[in-house]
């Protein structure tokens, strides 16, 4: 039987291992629970998962068997983060300590961990103070994402939030303006991207969601002259981040 290997070094198997990870405060991105199990230990894990806002997915026994490396998953497998997440306030404090206007990169449901890692790498090199990602329908800081960041995730704070729109509303009160990448937006060269700014990059297929886009102050397009009409999400993030660097410089 073929076993799923992705991120296996951060995989927790068995009821005690998963429960202790949750109780210790370790970041757990997702928990897979065998559908139909309702006994006491499983209910305790589900309660702890709710407390820590971990995502729970109910799957078949066959799926768990495919994922399991120990062969003794006891109906539950968890994917722990390779990294301890920062808070949004940590990111703002980083900007204050450097005496710089905040420069944030916000990711609206980026699903590919390679893209996530590449964007964190760009964020570090462009001088962004941190990256904000979503908890649901998005890649977390798995081993794959950490590797793709080429070590940048150890230096650039990453915060994980439930609702990106709510965070944007909060950060606007801190005086931060928001620009999102959108093919139908204003040419990036024609926008004023100086000062406190948050750059929003959307999902690889769907782009920035309507609700998040409506909260942004500007939409920025990247001039393109080829035969296709879009860039990879991490490349788009790099192009726009460095236009912000150029203007801030």
C-alpha atoms as a PDB file:
ATOM      1  CA  UNK A   1       0.000   0.000   0.000  1.00  0.00           C
ATOM      2  CA  UNK A   2       1.348   3.429  -0.921  1.00  0.00           C
ATOM      3  CA  UNK A   3       1.777   5.696   2.063  1.00  0.00           C
ATOM      4  CA  UNK A   4       1.530   9.466   1.996  1.00  0.00           C
ATOM      5  CA  UNK A   5       4.918  10.978   2.833  1.00  0.00           C
ATOM      6  CA  UNK A   6       4.533  14.751   2.543  1.00  0.00           C
ATOM      7  CA  UNK A   7       5.542  16.520   5.756  1.00  0.00           C
ATOM      8  CA  UNK A   8       5.997  13.201   7.545  1.00  0.00           C
ATOM      9  CA  UNK A   9       8.605  14.599   9.947  1.00  0.00           C
ATOM     10  CA  UNK A  10       5.852  16.731  11.503  1.00  0.00           C
ATOM     11  CA  UNK A  11       3.171  14.055  11.516  1.00  0.00           C
ATOM     12  CA  UNK A  12       1.766  12.911  14.848  1.00  0.00           C
ATOM     13  CA  UNK A  13       0.010   9.554  15.076  1.00  0.00           C
ATOM     14  CA  UNK A  14      -2.113   8.134  17.850  1.00  0.00           C
ATOM     15  CA  UNK A  15      -4.454   9.645  20.392  1.00  0.00           C
ATOM     16  CA  UNK A  16      -1.961  10.422  23.140  1.00  0.00           C
ATOM     17  CA  UNK A  17       0.576  12.006  20.782  1.00  0.00           C
ATOM     18  CA  UNK A  18      -2.020  14.302  19.229  1.00  0.00           C
ATOM     19  CA  UNK A  19      -3.654  15.225  22.539  1.00  0.00           C
ATOM     20  CA  UNK A  20      -0.352  16.029  24.253  1.00  0.00           C
ATOM     21  CA  UNK A  21       0.744  18.173  21.310  1.00  0.00           C
ATOM     22  CA  UNK A  22      -2.460  20.210  21.568  1.00  0.00           C
ATOM     23  CA  UNK A  23      -2.231  20.563  25.349  1.00  0.00           C
ATOM     24  CA  UNK A  24       1.417  21.623  25.166  1.00  0.00           C
ATOM     25  CA  UNK A  25       0.496  24.528  22.901  1.00  0.00           C
ATOM     26  CA  UNK A  26       2.338  23.187  19.870  1.00  0.00           C
ATOM     27  CA  UNK A  27       1.005  24.578  16.586  1.00  0.00           C
ATOM     28  CA  UNK A  28      -1.110  21.882  14.916  1.00  0.00           C
ATOM     29  CA  UNK A  29      -2.262  22.797  11.416  1.00  0.00           C
ATOM     30  CA  UNK A  30      -4.705  19.973  10.774  1.00  0.00           C
ATOM     31  CA  UNK A  31      -6.093  16.866  12.465  1.00  0.00           C
ATOM     32  CA  UNK A  32      -7.453  13.894  10.533  1.00  0.00           C
ATOM     33  CA  UNK A  33     -10.022  11.873  12.496  1.00  0.00           C
ATOM     34  CA  UNK A  34     -11.605   8.612  11.431  1.00  0.00           C
ATOM     35  CA  UNK A  35     -15.249   9.248  10.560  1.00  0.00           C
ATOM     36  CA  UNK A  36     -17.689   7.526  12.883  1.00  0.00           C
ATOM     37  CA  UNK A  37     -15.508   7.499  16.009  1.00  0.00           C
ATOM     38  CA  UNK A  38     -17.245   9.149  18.977  1.00  0.00           C
ATOM     39  CA  UNK A  39     -15.559   7.674  22.064  1.00  0.00           C
ATOM     40  CA  UNK A  40     -14.237   9.710  24.989  1.00  0.00           C
ATOM     41  CA  UNK A  41     -10.605  10.176  23.890  1.00  0.00           C
ATOM     42  CA  UNK A  42     -11.692  11.312  20.416  1.00  0.00           C
ATOM     43  CA  UNK A  43     -14.150  13.795  21.930  1.00  0.00           C
ATOM     44  CA  UNK A  44     -11.359  15.151  24.144  1.00  0.00           C
ATOM     45  CA  UNK A  45      -9.133  15.658  21.098  1.00  0.00           C
ATOM     46  CA  UNK A  46     -11.955  17.451  19.277  1.00  0.00           C
ATOM     47  CA  UNK A  47     -12.515  19.764  22.263  1.00  0.00           C
ATOM     48  CA  UNK A  48      -8.818  20.632  22.423  1.00  0.00           C
ATOM     49  CA  UNK A  49      -8.755  21.179  18.657  1.00  0.00           C
ATOM     50  CA  UNK A  50     -11.597  23.693  18.963  1.00  0.00           C
ATOM     51  CA  UNK A  51      -9.757  25.541  21.754  1.00  0.00           C
ATOM     52  CA  UNK A  52      -6.679  25.916  19.574  1.00  0.00           C
ATOM     53  CA  UNK A  53      -8.616  26.587  16.358  1.00  0.00           C
ATOM     54  CA  UNK A  54      -7.001  23.598  14.621  1.00  0.00           C
ATOM     55  CA  UNK A  55      -8.695  22.380  11.453  1.00  0.00           C
ATOM     56  CA  UNK A  56     -10.336  18.938  11.793  1.00  0.00           C
ATOM     57  CA  UNK A  57     -11.045  16.755   8.783  1.00  0.00           C
ATOM     58  CA  UNK A  58     -13.075  13.539   9.099  1.00  0.00           C
ATOM     59  CA  UNK A  59     -11.755  10.860   6.755  1.00  0.00           C
ATOM     60  CA  UNK A  60     -12.098   7.139   6.153  1.00  0.00           C
ATOM     61  CA  UNK A  61     -10.061   4.476   7.923  1.00  0.00           C
ATOM     62  CA  UNK A  62      -8.514   3.638   4.561  1.00  0.00           C
ATOM     63  CA  UNK A  63      -7.229   7.199   4.154  1.00  0.00           C
ATOM     64  CA  UNK A  64      -5.642   7.117   7.598  1.00  0.00           C
ATOM     65  CA  UNK A  65      -4.048   3.762   6.816  1.00  0.00           C
ATOM     66  CA  UNK A  66      -2.486   5.315   3.703  1.00  0.00           C
ATOM     67  CA  UNK A  67      -1.155   8.268   5.697  1.00  0.00           C
ATOM     68  CA  UNK A  68       0.133   6.226   8.632  1.00  0.00           C
ATOM     69  CA  UNK A  69       3.812   5.395   8.962  1.00  0.00           C
ATOM     70  CA  UNK A  70       3.514   3.572  12.289  1.00  0.00           C
ATOM     71  CA  UNK A  71       0.539   1.404  11.390  1.00  0.00           C
ATOM     72  CA  UNK A  72      -1.001   2.339  14.753  1.00  0.00           C
ATOM     73  CA  UNK A  73      -2.794   5.644  14.234  1.00  0.00           C
ATOM     74  CA  UNK A  74      -5.758   4.758  16.530  1.00  0.00           C
ATOM     75  CA  UNK A  75      -8.099   6.747  14.311  1.00  0.00           C
ATOM     76  CA  UNK A  76      -6.276  10.074  14.498  1.00  0.00           C
ATOM     77  CA  UNK A  77      -3.311  11.699  12.723  1.00  0.00           C
ATOM     78  CA  UNK A  78      -2.234  15.326  13.050  1.00  0.00           C
ATOM     79  CA  UNK A  79      -0.012  17.564  10.954  1.00  0.00           C
ATOM     80  CA  UNK A  80       2.023  19.840  13.201  1.00  0.00           C
ATOM     81  CA  UNK A  81       3.653  23.034  12.021  1.00  0.00           C
ATOM     82  CA  UNK A  82       7.401  23.099  11.473  1.00  0.00           C
ATOM     83  CA  UNK A  83       7.450  26.540  13.037  1.00  0.00           C
ATOM     84  CA  UNK A  84       5.867  28.536  15.838  1.00  0.00           C
ATOM     85  CA  UNK A  85       3.684  31.260  14.378  1.00  0.00           C
ATOM     86  CA  UNK A  86       4.015  34.892  15.359  1.00  0.00           C
ATOM     87  CA  UNK A  87       1.120  37.234  16.107  1.00  0.00           C
ATOM     88  CA  UNK A  88       0.107  40.207  13.986  1.00  0.00           C
ATOM     89  CA  UNK A  89       1.229  42.422  16.868  1.00  0.00           C
ATOM     90  CA  UNK A  90       4.681  40.791  16.745  1.00  0.00           C
ATOM     91  CA  UNK A  91       4.971  41.868  13.116  1.00  0.00           C
ATOM     92  CA  UNK A  92       3.954  45.454  13.882  1.00  0.00           C
ATOM     93  CA  UNK A  93       6.410  45.554  16.779  1.00  0.00           C
ATOM     94  CA  UNK A  94       9.179  44.452  14.413  1.00  0.00           C
ATOM     95  CA  UNK A  95       8.453  47.483  12.220  1.00  0.00           C
ATOM     96  CA  UNK A  96       8.429  49.781  15.270  1.00  0.00           C
ATOM     97  CA  UNK A  97      11.771  48.434  16.476  1.00  0.00           C
ATOM     98  CA  UNK A  98      13.306  49.123  13.069  1.00  0.00           C
ATOM     99  CA  UNK A  99      11.789  52.602  12.948  1.00  0.00           C
ATOM    100  CA  UNK A 100      10.165  51.831   9.597  1.00  0.00           C
ATOM    101  CA  UNK A 101       6.604  52.171   8.273  1.00  0.00           C
ATOM    102  CA  UNK A 102       5.035  48.678   8.325  1.00  0.00           C
ATOM    103  CA  UNK A 103       5.381  46.582   5.182  1.00  0.00           C
ATOM    104  CA  UNK A 104       3.284  43.412   5.352  1.00  0.00           C
ATOM    105  CA  UNK A 105       2.504  40.676   2.851  1.00  0.00           C
ATOM    106  CA  UNK A 106      -0.909  39.040   3.273  1.00  0.00           C
ATOM    107  CA  UNK A 107      -1.782  35.786   1.513  1.00  0.00           C
ATOM    108  CA  UNK A 108      -5.411  35.046   0.704  1.00  0.00           C
ATOM    109  CA  UNK A 109      -5.605  31.225   0.699  1.00  0.00           C
ATOM    110  CA  UNK A 110      -2.295  30.379  -0.974  1.00  0.00           C
ATOM    111  CA  UNK A 111      -2.481  26.583  -1.235  1.00  0.00           C
ATOM    112  CA  UNK A 112       0.917  25.500  -2.558  1.00  0.00           C
ATOM    113  CA  UNK A 113       3.571  25.239   0.193  1.00  0.00           C
ATOM    114  CA  UNK A 114       6.273  25.889  -2.411  1.00  0.00           C
ATOM    115  CA  UNK A 115       4.624  29.223  -3.236  1.00  0.00           C
ATOM    116  CA  UNK A 116       4.284  30.030   0.461  1.00  0.00           C
ATOM    117  CA  UNK A 117       7.960  29.340   1.076  1.00  0.00           C
ATOM    118  CA  UNK A 118       9.039  31.343  -1.961  1.00  0.00           C
ATOM    119  CA  UNK A 119       6.939  34.328  -0.856  1.00  0.00           C
ATOM    120  CA  UNK A 120       8.433  34.221   2.648  1.00  0.00           C
ATOM    121  CA  UNK A 121      11.887  34.235   1.043  1.00  0.00           C
ATOM    122  CA  UNK A 122      10.942  37.273  -1.057  1.00  0.00           C
ATOM    123  CA  UNK A 123       9.424  38.984   1.995  1.00  0.00           C
ATOM    124  CA  UNK A 124      12.692  38.611   3.866  1.00  0.00           C
ATOM    125  CA  UNK A 125      14.847  39.912   1.022  1.00  0.00           C
ATOM    126  CA  UNK A 126      12.493  42.812   0.284  1.00  0.00           C
ATOM    127  CA  UNK A 127      12.524  43.936   3.902  1.00  0.00           C
ATOM    128  CA  UNK A 128       8.890  43.128   4.681  1.00  0.00           C
ATOM    129  CA  UNK A 129       8.275  42.961   8.415  1.00  0.00           C
ATOM    130  CA  UNK A 130       6.160  39.821   8.227  1.00  0.00           C
ATOM    131  CA  UNK A 131       3.742  37.612   6.345  1.00  0.00           C
ATOM    132  CA  UNK A 132       0.117  36.911   7.292  1.00  0.00           C
ATOM    133  CA  UNK A 133      -1.562  33.707   6.111  1.00  0.00           C
ATOM    134  CA  UNK A 134      -5.027  32.230   6.592  1.00  0.00           C
ATOM    135  CA  UNK A 135      -5.841  29.161   8.678  1.00  0.00           C
ATOM    136  CA  UNK A 136      -8.384  27.643   6.327  1.00  0.00           C
ATOM    137  CA  UNK A 137      -7.998  26.364   2.762  1.00  0.00           C
ATOM    138  CA  UNK A 138      -4.346  27.408   2.747  1.00  0.00           C
ATOM    139  CA  UNK A 139      -0.855  26.003   3.099  1.00  0.00           C
ATOM    140  CA  UNK A 140       0.757  26.194   6.524  1.00  0.00           C
ATOM    141  CA  UNK A 141       4.407  26.220   7.520  1.00  0.00           C
ATOM    142  CA  UNK A 142       5.082  22.589   6.783  1.00  0.00           C
ATOM    143  CA  UNK A 143       8.557  21.196   6.195  1.00  0.00           C
ATOM    144  CA  UNK A 144       8.028  21.717   2.448  1.00  0.00           C
ATOM    145  CA  UNK A 145       7.244  25.410   2.911  1.00  0.00           C
ATOM    146  CA  UNK A 146      10.168  25.848   5.294  1.00  0.00           C
ATOM    147  CA  UNK A 147      12.551  24.287   2.779  1.00  0.00           C
ATOM    148  CA  UNK A 148      11.206  26.440  -0.067  1.00  0.00           C
ATOM    149  CA  UNK A 149      11.829  29.547   2.057  1.00  0.00           C
ATOM    150  CA  UNK A 150      15.572  28.710   2.039  1.00  0.00           C
ATOM    151  CA  UNK A 151      15.785  29.526   5.736  1.00  0.00           C
ATOM    152  CA  UNK A 152      13.905  32.841   5.505  1.00  0.00           C
ATOM    153  CA  UNK A 153      11.064  31.519   7.684  1.00  0.00           C
ATOM    154  CA  UNK A 154      13.518  31.510  10.598  1.00  0.00           C
ATOM    155  CA  UNK A 155      13.951  35.270  10.274  1.00  0.00           C
ATOM    156  CA  UNK A 156      10.623  36.576   8.935  1.00  0.00           C
ATOM    157  CA  UNK A 157       7.622  36.386  11.290  1.00  0.00           C
ATOM    158  CA  UNK A 158       4.576  34.566   9.916  1.00  0.00           C
ATOM    159  CA  UNK A 159       1.178  35.022  11.552  1.00  0.00           C
ATOM    160  CA  UNK A 160      -1.798  32.771  10.912  1.00  0.00           C
ATOM    161  CA  UNK A 161      -5.290  34.296  11.165  1.00  0.00           C
ATOM    162  CA  UNK A 162      -8.844  33.064  10.815  1.00  0.00           C
ATOM    163  CA  UNK A 163     -10.278  35.983   8.841  1.00  0.00           C
ATOM    164  CA  UNK A 164      -8.071  38.114   6.605  1.00  0.00           C
ATOM    165  CA  UNK A 165     -10.767  40.766   6.125  1.00  0.00           C
ATOM    166  CA  UNK A 166     -11.077  41.326   9.864  1.00  0.00           C
ATOM    167  CA  UNK A 167      -7.314  41.706  10.161  1.00  0.00           C
ATOM    168  CA  UNK A 168      -7.251  44.242   7.318  1.00  0.00           C
ATOM    169  CA  UNK A 169      -9.961  46.279   9.074  1.00  0.00           C
ATOM    170  CA  UNK A 170      -7.926  46.238  12.270  1.00  0.00           C
ATOM    171  CA  UNK A 171      -4.684  47.205  10.543  1.00  0.00           C
ATOM    172  CA  UNK A 172      -6.351  50.076   8.729  1.00  0.00           C
ATOM    173  CA  UNK A 173      -6.888  51.624  12.170  1.00  0.00           C
ATOM    174  CA  UNK A 174      -3.085  51.493  12.542  1.00  0.00           C
ATOM    175  CA  UNK A 175      -2.790  53.657   9.434  1.00  0.00           C
ATOM    176  CA  UNK A 176      -1.838  50.884   7.011  1.00  0.00           C
ATOM    177  CA  UNK A 177      -3.036  51.027   3.383  1.00  0.00           C
ATOM    178  CA  UNK A 178      -3.720  47.875   1.384  1.00  0.00           C
ATOM    179  CA  UNK A 179      -3.043  46.987  -2.235  1.00  0.00           C
ATOM    180  CA  UNK A 180      -4.014  43.695  -3.827  1.00  0.00           C
ATOM    181  CA  UNK A 181      -2.748  42.060  -6.973  1.00  0.00           C
ATOM    182  CA  UNK A 182      -5.397  41.955  -9.694  1.00  0.00           C
ATOM    183  CA  UNK A 183      -5.124  41.766 -13.478  1.00  0.00           C
ATOM    184  CA  UNK A 184      -7.846  44.401 -13.815  1.00  0.00           C
ATOM    185  CA  UNK A 185      -6.173  46.879 -11.489  1.00  0.00           C
ATOM    186  CA  UNK A 186      -4.168  50.056 -12.026  1.00  0.00           C
ATOM    187  CA  UNK A 187      -0.635  49.656 -13.384  1.00  0.00           C
ATOM    188  CA  UNK A 188       1.638  49.259 -10.386  1.00  0.00           C
ATOM    189  CA  UNK A 189       3.890  52.073 -11.646  1.00  0.00           C
ATOM    190  CA  UNK A 190       0.959  54.493 -11.457  1.00  0.00           C
ATOM    191  CA  UNK A 191       0.205  53.831  -7.775  1.00  0.00           C
ATOM    192  CA  UNK A 192       1.718  55.465  -4.702  1.00  0.00           C
ATOM    193  CA  UNK A 193       2.957  52.457  -2.718  1.00  0.00           C
ATOM    194  CA  UNK A 194       5.059  54.320  -0.171  1.00  0.00           C
ATOM    195  CA  UNK A 195       4.357  54.503   3.546  1.00  0.00           C
ATOM    196  CA  UNK A 196       2.674  51.850   5.732  1.00  0.00           C
ATOM    197  CA  UNK A 197       1.417  49.197   3.338  1.00  0.00           C
ATOM    198  CA  UNK A 198       0.030  45.703   3.134  1.00  0.00           C
ATOM    199  CA  UNK A 199       0.404  43.746  -0.116  1.00  0.00           C
ATOM    200  CA  UNK A 200      -2.339  41.144  -0.642  1.00  0.00           C
ATOM    201  CA  UNK A 201      -1.666  38.163  -2.907  1.00  0.00           C
ATOM    202  CA  UNK A 202      -4.543  35.865  -3.841  1.00  0.00           C
ATOM    203  CA  UNK A 203      -5.091  32.168  -4.361  1.00  0.00           C
ATOM    204  CA  UNK A 204      -3.234  30.509  -7.240  1.00  0.00           C
ATOM    205  CA  UNK A 205      -6.442  29.864  -9.186  1.00  0.00           C
ATOM    206  CA  UNK A 206      -9.115  32.237  -7.927  1.00  0.00           C
ATOM    207  CA  UNK A 207      -6.992  35.250  -7.037  1.00  0.00           C
ATOM    208  CA  UNK A 208      -7.948  37.590  -4.218  1.00  0.00           C
ATOM    209  CA  UNK A 209     -11.433  36.831  -2.908  1.00  0.00           C
ATOM    210  CA  UNK A 210     -14.160  39.411  -3.511  1.00  0.00           C
ATOM    211  CA  UNK A 211     -14.634  40.259   0.167  1.00  0.00           C
ATOM    212  CA  UNK A 212     -10.921  40.819   0.728  1.00  0.00           C
ATOM    213  CA  UNK A 213     -10.548  42.805  -2.497  1.00  0.00           C
ATOM    214  CA  UNK A 214     -13.360  45.131  -1.438  1.00  0.00           C
ATOM    215  CA  UNK A 215     -11.429  45.992   1.712  1.00  0.00           C
ATOM    216  CA  UNK A 216      -8.266  46.930  -0.190  1.00  0.00           C
ATOM    217  CA  UNK A 217      -7.585  50.571  -0.985  1.00  0.00           C
ATOM    218  CA  UNK A 218      -5.955  49.869  -4.382  1.00  0.00           C
ATOM    219  CA  UNK A 219      -5.682  47.081  -6.905  1.00  0.00           C
ATOM    220  CA  UNK A 220      -2.387  46.766  -8.754  1.00  0.00           C
ATOM    221  CA  UNK A 221      -1.748  45.078 -12.072  1.00  0.00           C
ATOM    222  CA  UNK A 222       1.624  43.945 -13.385  1.00  0.00           C
ATOM    223  CA  UNK A 223       2.286  44.920 -17.022  1.00  0.00           C
ATOM    224  CA  UNK A 224       2.563  41.774 -19.146  1.00  0.00           C
ATOM    225  CA  UNK A 225       3.470  41.427 -22.808  1.00  0.00           C
ATOM    226  CA  UNK A 226       3.383  37.656 -23.320  1.00  0.00           C
ATOM    227  CA  UNK A 227       0.780  35.279 -24.646  1.00  0.00           C
ATOM    228  CA  UNK A 228      -0.585  34.156 -21.276  1.00  0.00           C
ATOM    229  CA  UNK A 229      -2.374  36.393 -18.841  1.00  0.00           C
ATOM    230  CA  UNK A 230      -1.069  35.604 -15.367  1.00  0.00           C
ATOM    231  CA  UNK A 231       2.049  35.017 -13.295  1.00  0.00           C
ATOM    232  CA  UNK A 232       2.714  32.386 -10.667  1.00  0.00           C
ATOM    233  CA  UNK A 233       1.554  33.716  -7.274  1.00  0.00           C
ATOM    234  CA  UNK A 234       5.037  33.800  -5.786  1.00  0.00           C
ATOM    235  CA  UNK A 235       6.462  35.571  -8.851  1.00  0.00           C
ATOM    236  CA  UNK A 236       3.664  38.157  -8.739  1.00  0.00           C
ATOM    237  CA  UNK A 237       4.396  38.701  -5.063  1.00  0.00           C
ATOM    238  CA  UNK A 238       8.058  39.265  -5.884  1.00  0.00           C
ATOM    239  CA  UNK A 239       7.394  41.744  -8.676  1.00  0.00           C
ATOM    240  CA  UNK A 240       4.977  43.818  -6.590  1.00  0.00           C
ATOM    241  CA  UNK A 241       7.096  43.609  -3.440  1.00  0.00           C
ATOM    242  CA  UNK A 242      10.068  45.040  -5.294  1.00  0.00           C
ATOM    243  CA  UNK A 243       7.998  47.851  -6.784  1.00  0.00           C
ATOM    244  CA  UNK A 244       7.144  48.719  -3.174  1.00  0.00           C
ATOM    245  CA  UNK A 245      10.868  48.509  -2.309  1.00  0.00           C
ATOM    246  CA  UNK A 246      11.710  50.820  -5.235  1.00  0.00           C
ATOM    247  CA  UNK A 247       9.172  53.404  -4.167  1.00  0.00           C
ATOM    248  CA  UNK A 248      10.040  53.209  -0.470  1.00  0.00           C
ATOM    249  CA  UNK A 249      13.745  53.481  -1.266  1.00  0.00           C
END
